[in-house]
N, C-alpha and C. Protein backbone atom coordinates (compact mmCIF):
# COMPACT_ATOMS: atom_id res chain seq x y z
N MET A 1 -52.30 116.78 15.87
CA MET A 1 -53.11 115.64 15.56
C MET A 1 -52.46 114.71 14.55
N ALA A 2 -51.75 115.25 13.61
CA ALA A 2 -51.06 114.44 12.62
C ALA A 2 -50.03 113.55 13.29
N LYS A 3 -49.42 114.06 14.37
CA LYS A 3 -48.43 113.27 15.09
C LYS A 3 -49.06 112.00 15.67
N ASN A 4 -50.22 112.10 16.26
CA ASN A 4 -50.91 110.94 16.84
C ASN A 4 -51.29 109.92 15.78
N GLN A 5 -51.68 110.40 14.63
CA GLN A 5 -52.08 109.49 13.57
C GLN A 5 -50.88 108.71 13.04
N THR A 6 -49.73 109.35 12.92
CA THR A 6 -48.55 108.64 12.42
C THR A 6 -48.05 107.63 13.45
N ASN A 7 -48.14 107.97 14.73
CA ASN A 7 -47.72 107.03 15.77
C ASN A 7 -48.57 105.77 15.77
N SER A 8 -49.86 105.92 15.60
CA SER A 8 -50.74 104.74 15.58
C SER A 8 -50.53 103.94 14.30
N ALA A 9 -50.17 104.59 13.22
CA ALA A 9 -49.93 103.88 11.97
C ALA A 9 -48.61 103.13 12.02
N GLU A 10 -47.62 103.63 12.74
CA GLU A 10 -46.32 103.00 12.83
C GLU A 10 -46.36 101.72 13.68
N LYS A 11 -47.18 101.70 14.69
CA LYS A 11 -47.27 100.54 15.57
C LYS A 11 -47.97 99.39 14.86
N PRO A 12 -47.29 98.26 14.75
CA PRO A 12 -47.97 97.12 14.13
C PRO A 12 -49.01 96.56 15.10
N LYS A 13 -50.14 96.18 14.55
CA LYS A 13 -51.19 95.60 15.39
C LYS A 13 -50.78 94.19 15.76
N LEU A 14 -50.82 93.91 17.05
CA LEU A 14 -50.47 92.58 17.53
C LEU A 14 -51.67 91.67 17.37
N LYS A 15 -51.48 90.62 16.63
CA LYS A 15 -52.56 89.68 16.37
C LYS A 15 -52.53 88.57 17.42
N LEU A 16 -53.64 88.33 18.02
CA LEU A 16 -53.77 87.26 19.01
C LEU A 16 -53.84 85.93 18.28
N LYS A 17 -52.98 85.02 18.67
CA LYS A 17 -53.01 83.67 18.11
C LYS A 17 -53.35 82.70 19.22
N ARG A 18 -54.09 81.69 18.86
CA ARG A 18 -54.51 80.67 19.82
C ARG A 18 -54.00 79.32 19.36
N TYR A 19 -53.39 78.61 20.29
CA TYR A 19 -52.88 77.27 20.04
C TYR A 19 -53.57 76.32 21.00
N ALA A 20 -53.76 75.09 20.54
CA ALA A 20 -54.43 74.11 21.40
C ALA A 20 -53.75 72.76 21.27
N THR A 21 -53.77 72.02 22.36
CA THR A 21 -53.21 70.67 22.38
C THR A 21 -54.30 69.71 22.81
N ARG A 22 -54.14 68.47 22.41
CA ARG A 22 -55.12 67.46 22.81
C ARG A 22 -54.53 66.53 23.86
N TYR A 23 -53.35 66.88 24.36
CA TYR A 23 -52.69 66.06 25.38
C TYR A 23 -53.02 66.55 26.77
N GLY A 24 -54.18 66.26 27.24
CA GLY A 24 -54.55 66.55 28.61
C GLY A 24 -54.84 68.01 28.88
N GLN A 25 -55.05 68.29 30.14
CA GLN A 25 -55.42 69.63 30.57
C GLN A 25 -54.23 70.56 30.70
N HIS A 26 -53.03 70.00 30.90
CA HIS A 26 -51.86 70.84 31.09
C HIS A 26 -50.70 70.33 30.24
N TYR A 27 -50.23 71.17 29.35
CA TYR A 27 -49.11 70.84 28.48
C TYR A 27 -48.19 72.05 28.48
N SER A 28 -46.89 71.83 28.54
CA SER A 28 -45.96 72.95 28.52
C SER A 28 -44.78 72.62 27.62
N ILE A 29 -44.18 73.66 27.06
CA ILE A 29 -43.02 73.52 26.19
C ILE A 29 -42.01 74.59 26.60
N VAL A 30 -40.75 74.22 26.69
CA VAL A 30 -39.70 75.14 27.13
C VAL A 30 -39.26 75.97 25.94
N MET A 31 -39.41 77.29 26.06
CA MET A 31 -38.96 78.19 25.01
C MET A 31 -37.50 78.57 25.23
N ILE A 32 -37.17 78.97 26.46
CA ILE A 32 -35.80 79.31 26.84
C ILE A 32 -35.50 78.55 28.13
N PRO A 33 -34.48 77.69 28.13
CA PRO A 33 -34.18 76.93 29.34
C PRO A 33 -33.59 77.80 30.44
N THR A 34 -33.83 77.43 31.68
CA THR A 34 -33.23 78.11 32.83
C THR A 34 -31.76 77.72 32.89
N VAL A 35 -30.90 78.74 33.10
CA VAL A 35 -29.46 78.50 33.10
C VAL A 35 -28.87 78.99 34.42
N THR A 36 -28.01 78.17 35.02
CA THR A 36 -27.29 78.56 36.22
C THR A 36 -25.82 78.70 35.85
N GLU A 37 -25.28 79.90 36.10
CA GLU A 37 -23.88 80.17 35.80
C GLU A 37 -23.14 80.51 37.09
N VAL A 38 -21.88 80.18 37.12
CA VAL A 38 -21.04 80.55 38.26
C VAL A 38 -20.12 81.68 37.80
N ILE A 39 -20.33 82.85 38.39
CA ILE A 39 -19.52 84.03 38.07
C ILE A 39 -18.82 84.48 39.34
N ASN A 40 -17.50 84.46 39.30
CA ASN A 40 -16.68 84.83 40.47
C ASN A 40 -17.07 84.03 41.71
N GLY A 41 -17.37 82.77 41.53
CA GLY A 41 -17.69 81.90 42.65
C GLY A 41 -19.12 82.03 43.15
N ILE A 42 -19.93 82.84 42.48
CA ILE A 42 -21.32 83.03 42.91
C ILE A 42 -22.23 82.41 41.84
N ALA A 43 -23.13 81.55 42.26
CA ALA A 43 -24.08 80.92 41.33
C ALA A 43 -25.19 81.90 41.02
N ILE A 44 -25.34 82.18 39.75
CA ILE A 44 -26.40 83.09 39.29
C ILE A 44 -27.32 82.30 38.36
N THR A 45 -28.59 82.36 38.65
CA THR A 45 -29.57 81.65 37.85
C THR A 45 -30.33 82.64 36.99
N ARG A 46 -30.28 82.40 35.69
CA ARG A 46 -31.08 83.21 34.76
C ARG A 46 -32.35 82.43 34.45
N PRO A 47 -33.49 83.02 34.75
CA PRO A 47 -34.74 82.29 34.52
C PRO A 47 -35.01 82.10 33.03
N GLY A 48 -35.60 80.99 32.71
CA GLY A 48 -35.97 80.71 31.33
C GLY A 48 -37.42 81.09 31.09
N LYS A 49 -37.95 80.56 30.01
CA LYS A 49 -39.34 80.86 29.67
C LYS A 49 -40.03 79.56 29.26
N VAL A 50 -41.14 79.29 29.89
CA VAL A 50 -41.92 78.10 29.60
C VAL A 50 -43.30 78.53 29.13
N ILE A 51 -43.74 77.97 28.03
CA ILE A 51 -45.08 78.25 27.51
C ILE A 51 -45.99 77.16 28.03
N GLU A 52 -46.99 77.56 28.80
CA GLU A 52 -47.89 76.59 29.43
C GLU A 52 -49.29 76.68 28.81
N PHE A 53 -49.78 75.56 28.35
CA PHE A 53 -51.14 75.46 27.84
C PHE A 53 -52.03 75.14 29.02
N LYS A 54 -52.97 76.00 29.31
CA LYS A 54 -53.89 75.76 30.42
C LYS A 54 -55.23 75.33 29.85
N LYS A 55 -55.71 74.22 30.36
CA LYS A 55 -56.95 73.60 29.87
C LYS A 55 -56.83 73.31 28.37
N GLY A 56 -55.60 73.00 27.93
CA GLY A 56 -55.37 72.61 26.54
C GLY A 56 -55.25 73.76 25.56
N VAL A 57 -55.27 75.02 26.04
CA VAL A 57 -55.24 76.17 25.15
C VAL A 57 -54.19 77.18 25.61
N TYR A 58 -53.51 77.82 24.65
CA TYR A 58 -52.56 78.89 24.95
C TYR A 58 -52.79 80.02 23.96
N GLU A 59 -52.98 81.23 24.48
CA GLU A 59 -53.18 82.42 23.65
C GLU A 59 -52.04 83.38 23.89
N THR A 60 -51.56 84.00 22.81
CA THR A 60 -50.47 84.96 22.95
C THR A 60 -50.53 86.02 21.86
N LYS A 61 -50.06 87.23 22.23
CA LYS A 61 -49.87 88.31 21.27
C LYS A 61 -48.39 88.57 21.05
N ASP A 62 -47.54 87.91 21.84
CA ASP A 62 -46.09 88.09 21.75
C ASP A 62 -45.58 87.48 20.44
N GLN A 63 -44.93 88.31 19.61
CA GLN A 63 -44.46 87.83 18.31
C GLN A 63 -43.34 86.80 18.45
N ASP A 64 -42.49 86.95 19.47
CA ASP A 64 -41.42 85.97 19.68
C ASP A 64 -42.00 84.59 20.02
N GLU A 65 -43.00 84.57 20.88
CA GLU A 65 -43.64 83.31 21.24
C GLU A 65 -44.34 82.70 20.03
N GLN A 66 -45.01 83.53 19.25
CA GLN A 66 -45.70 83.03 18.06
C GLN A 66 -44.71 82.44 17.07
N ALA A 67 -43.58 83.13 16.86
CA ALA A 67 -42.56 82.62 15.94
C ALA A 67 -42.00 81.30 16.44
N PHE A 68 -41.75 81.22 17.75
CA PHE A 68 -41.23 79.98 18.34
C PHE A 68 -42.22 78.84 18.15
N LEU A 69 -43.49 79.08 18.46
CA LEU A 69 -44.51 78.04 18.35
C LEU A 69 -44.76 77.64 16.89
N ASP A 70 -44.73 78.61 15.99
CA ASP A 70 -44.97 78.31 14.58
C ASP A 70 -43.83 77.52 13.94
N ASN A 71 -42.61 77.70 14.44
CA ASN A 71 -41.44 77.04 13.86
C ASN A 71 -40.96 75.83 14.65
N SER A 72 -41.66 75.49 15.72
CA SER A 72 -41.27 74.37 16.56
C SER A 72 -41.52 73.04 15.83
N PRO A 73 -40.67 72.03 16.06
CA PRO A 73 -40.92 70.73 15.43
C PRO A 73 -42.14 70.01 16.02
N PHE A 74 -42.67 70.53 17.11
CA PHE A 74 -43.82 69.89 17.75
C PHE A 74 -45.17 70.36 17.20
N ILE A 75 -45.16 71.41 16.34
CA ILE A 75 -46.42 71.90 15.80
C ILE A 75 -47.01 70.85 14.86
N GLY A 76 -48.27 70.61 15.00
CA GLY A 76 -48.94 69.59 14.21
C GLY A 76 -48.84 68.21 14.83
N VAL A 77 -47.94 68.04 15.80
CA VAL A 77 -47.79 66.75 16.48
C VAL A 77 -48.39 66.85 17.88
N ASP A 78 -47.85 67.78 18.68
CA ASP A 78 -48.32 67.96 20.05
C ASP A 78 -49.38 69.05 20.16
N TYR A 79 -49.31 70.05 19.31
CA TYR A 79 -50.28 71.15 19.37
C TYR A 79 -50.47 71.71 17.97
N GLN A 80 -51.54 72.51 17.81
CA GLN A 80 -51.84 73.14 16.53
C GLN A 80 -52.38 74.53 16.78
N GLU A 81 -52.24 75.37 15.77
CA GLU A 81 -52.84 76.69 15.86
C GLU A 81 -54.33 76.54 15.55
N VAL A 82 -55.14 77.19 16.35
CA VAL A 82 -56.58 77.14 16.12
C VAL A 82 -56.92 78.22 15.11
N THR A 83 -57.51 77.80 14.00
CA THR A 83 -57.87 78.73 12.93
C THR A 83 -59.38 78.76 12.76
N LYS A 84 -59.81 79.56 11.81
CA LYS A 84 -61.25 79.64 11.56
C LYS A 84 -61.78 78.32 11.04
N GLU A 85 -60.95 77.61 10.24
CA GLU A 85 -61.39 76.34 9.67
C GLU A 85 -61.54 75.26 10.75
N MET A 86 -60.70 75.36 11.75
CA MET A 86 -60.74 74.35 12.81
C MET A 86 -61.15 75.05 14.10
N SER A 87 -62.34 74.78 14.55
CA SER A 87 -62.83 75.47 15.74
C SER A 87 -62.07 75.06 16.99
N SER A 88 -61.57 73.83 17.02
CA SER A 88 -60.82 73.39 18.19
C SER A 88 -59.83 72.31 17.82
N ALA A 89 -58.56 72.53 18.13
CA ALA A 89 -57.54 71.52 17.85
C ALA A 89 -57.65 70.36 18.82
N LEU A 90 -58.41 70.55 19.88
CA LEU A 90 -58.58 69.46 20.85
C LEU A 90 -59.30 68.29 20.22
N GLY A 91 -60.16 68.56 19.26
CA GLY A 91 -60.91 67.50 18.59
C GLY A 91 -60.17 66.90 17.42
N ALA A 92 -59.07 67.51 17.02
CA ALA A 92 -58.30 67.02 15.89
C ALA A 92 -57.62 65.70 16.25
N LYS A 93 -57.52 64.83 15.28
CA LYS A 93 -56.93 63.52 15.53
C LYS A 93 -55.72 63.34 14.62
N SER A 94 -54.77 62.59 15.10
CA SER A 94 -53.58 62.33 14.30
C SER A 94 -53.92 61.33 13.21
N LEU A 95 -53.04 61.22 12.24
CA LEU A 95 -53.24 60.31 11.13
C LEU A 95 -53.33 58.86 11.62
N ALA A 96 -52.48 58.49 12.56
CA ALA A 96 -52.49 57.12 13.08
C ALA A 96 -53.83 56.80 13.75
N GLU A 97 -54.37 57.77 14.50
CA GLU A 97 -55.67 57.54 15.16
C GLU A 97 -56.77 57.37 14.13
N ARG A 98 -56.74 58.19 13.06
CA ARG A 98 -57.76 58.09 12.02
C ARG A 98 -57.65 56.75 11.28
N GLU A 99 -56.41 56.29 11.02
CA GLU A 99 -56.23 55.00 10.35
C GLU A 99 -56.72 53.85 11.23
N ALA A 100 -56.47 53.93 12.53
CA ALA A 100 -56.94 52.89 13.44
C ALA A 100 -58.47 52.86 13.48
N GLU A 101 -59.08 54.05 13.49
CA GLU A 101 -60.54 54.13 13.47
C GLU A 101 -61.09 53.52 12.19
N LEU A 102 -60.46 53.84 11.06
CA LEU A 102 -60.89 53.33 9.77
C LEU A 102 -60.77 51.81 9.72
N ALA A 103 -59.68 51.27 10.24
CA ALA A 103 -59.50 49.81 10.27
C ALA A 103 -60.58 49.15 11.12
N ALA A 104 -60.91 49.75 12.25
CA ALA A 104 -61.96 49.20 13.11
C ALA A 104 -63.31 49.23 12.39
N LYS A 105 -63.60 50.29 11.66
CA LYS A 105 -64.86 50.38 10.93
C LYS A 105 -64.91 49.36 9.80
N GLU A 106 -63.78 49.14 9.12
CA GLU A 106 -63.74 48.13 8.06
C GLU A 106 -64.00 46.74 8.62
N GLU A 107 -63.40 46.45 9.77
CA GLU A 107 -63.60 45.15 10.41
C GLU A 107 -65.08 44.97 10.79
N GLU A 108 -65.67 46.03 11.31
CA GLU A 108 -67.09 45.98 11.67
C GLU A 108 -67.95 45.73 10.44
N LEU A 109 -67.60 46.37 9.32
CA LEU A 109 -68.34 46.19 8.08
C LEU A 109 -68.24 44.75 7.58
N LYS A 110 -67.06 44.16 7.66
CA LYS A 110 -66.88 42.76 7.25
C LYS A 110 -67.74 41.85 8.10
N ASN A 111 -67.76 42.09 9.41
CA ASN A 111 -68.58 41.27 10.30
C ASN A 111 -70.06 41.41 9.98
N ARG A 112 -70.50 42.61 9.63
CA ARG A 112 -71.91 42.81 9.25
C ARG A 112 -72.24 42.04 7.98
N GLU A 113 -71.34 42.10 6.98
CA GLU A 113 -71.58 41.39 5.73
C GLU A 113 -71.69 39.89 5.96
N ILE A 114 -70.81 39.36 6.79
CA ILE A 114 -70.86 37.92 7.10
C ILE A 114 -72.17 37.58 7.80
N ALA A 115 -72.61 38.44 8.72
CA ALA A 115 -73.86 38.20 9.43
C ALA A 115 -75.05 38.25 8.48
N LEU A 116 -75.01 39.16 7.50
CA LEU A 116 -76.12 39.27 6.55
C LEU A 116 -76.17 38.07 5.61
N LYS A 117 -75.02 37.58 5.19
CA LYS A 117 -74.99 36.42 4.29
C LYS A 117 -75.43 35.16 5.01
N GLY A 118 -75.17 35.14 6.28
CA GLY A 118 -75.48 33.92 7.04
C GLY A 118 -74.22 33.11 7.21
N LYS A 119 -74.12 32.42 8.31
CA LYS A 119 -72.91 31.67 8.60
C LYS A 119 -72.68 30.56 7.58
N GLY A 120 -73.71 29.88 7.17
CA GLY A 120 -73.56 28.78 6.23
C GLY A 120 -73.01 29.23 4.90
N GLU A 121 -73.54 30.31 4.36
CA GLU A 121 -73.07 30.81 3.08
C GLU A 121 -71.62 31.28 3.18
N GLY A 122 -71.29 31.97 4.28
CA GLY A 122 -69.93 32.46 4.47
C GLY A 122 -68.93 31.32 4.52
N GLU A 123 -69.30 30.19 5.18
CA GLU A 123 -68.40 29.05 5.28
C GLU A 123 -68.25 28.37 3.93
N ASP A 124 -69.36 28.28 3.16
CA ASP A 124 -69.30 27.64 1.84
C ASP A 124 -68.37 28.41 0.91
N VAL A 125 -68.45 29.70 0.94
CA VAL A 125 -67.61 30.53 0.08
C VAL A 125 -66.15 30.32 0.43
N ARG A 126 -65.84 30.29 1.70
CA ARG A 126 -64.45 30.10 2.13
C ARG A 126 -63.96 28.69 1.76
N ALA A 127 -64.81 27.69 1.95
CA ALA A 127 -64.43 26.32 1.64
C ALA A 127 -64.15 26.18 0.15
N GLY A 128 -64.96 26.81 -0.68
CA GLY A 128 -64.77 26.77 -2.13
C GLY A 128 -63.47 27.43 -2.54
N GLU A 129 -63.11 28.50 -1.88
CA GLU A 129 -61.86 29.18 -2.19
C GLU A 129 -60.68 28.28 -1.87
N GLU A 130 -60.73 27.57 -0.72
CA GLU A 130 -59.64 26.69 -0.31
C GLU A 130 -59.50 25.52 -1.28
N GLU A 131 -60.63 24.90 -1.69
CA GLU A 131 -60.59 23.78 -2.62
C GLU A 131 -60.04 24.22 -3.96
N GLY A 132 -60.45 25.38 -4.41
CA GLY A 132 -59.99 25.89 -5.70
C GLY A 132 -58.49 26.11 -5.70
N SER A 133 -57.94 26.57 -4.60
CA SER A 133 -56.51 26.83 -4.54
C SER A 133 -55.72 25.52 -4.49
N LYS A 134 -56.30 24.44 -3.91
CA LYS A 134 -55.61 23.15 -3.85
C LYS A 134 -55.60 22.46 -5.21
N ASN A 135 -56.67 22.62 -5.98
CA ASN A 135 -56.81 21.92 -7.25
C ASN A 135 -56.18 22.66 -8.43
N LYS A 136 -55.69 23.83 -8.21
CA LYS A 136 -55.09 24.59 -9.31
C LYS A 136 -53.82 23.93 -9.78
N LYS A 137 -53.68 23.88 -11.08
CA LYS A 137 -52.45 23.35 -11.65
C LYS A 137 -51.44 24.49 -11.72
N LYS A 138 -50.23 24.14 -11.47
CA LYS A 138 -49.19 25.15 -11.56
C LYS A 138 -48.85 25.34 -13.02
N GLU A 139 -49.13 26.55 -13.48
CA GLU A 139 -48.85 26.88 -14.87
C GLU A 139 -47.62 27.77 -14.92
N PRO A 140 -46.83 27.58 -15.93
CA PRO A 140 -45.64 28.46 -16.04
C PRO A 140 -46.07 29.91 -16.31
N LYS A 141 -45.32 30.82 -15.73
CA LYS A 141 -45.63 32.23 -15.91
C LYS A 141 -44.65 32.80 -16.92
N PHE A 142 -45.17 33.30 -18.02
CA PHE A 142 -44.33 33.88 -19.06
C PHE A 142 -44.52 35.36 -19.14
């Protein structure tokens, strides 16, 4: 019995990791490229390995695949590891998308403020700013 207990203790538990992409239903990344070699005049093809995300998700217990995915330059750009904090990387947005959303919301807010002030008041304020800039005397800056 002691033998069985030591064998189970020696085996590392393989942790399942889940990765997700937001680029469509099918995304793949080449881990090992397929290579064709000519040996003694005979073409021999060694198959490579492609990691395929199906329905935007890829799960693996393979430590080599996990190491490759964790150290890839595409992590955080094309795909992310799904953690407890993030229930789905599919909903995650890039920084550029968030900035574009924020700019659109700011523009909407400006339009609302102008609508609340009324068109007449908004035009008067702008006209006053233009007149003030024309009448300013150029003062030396020290």
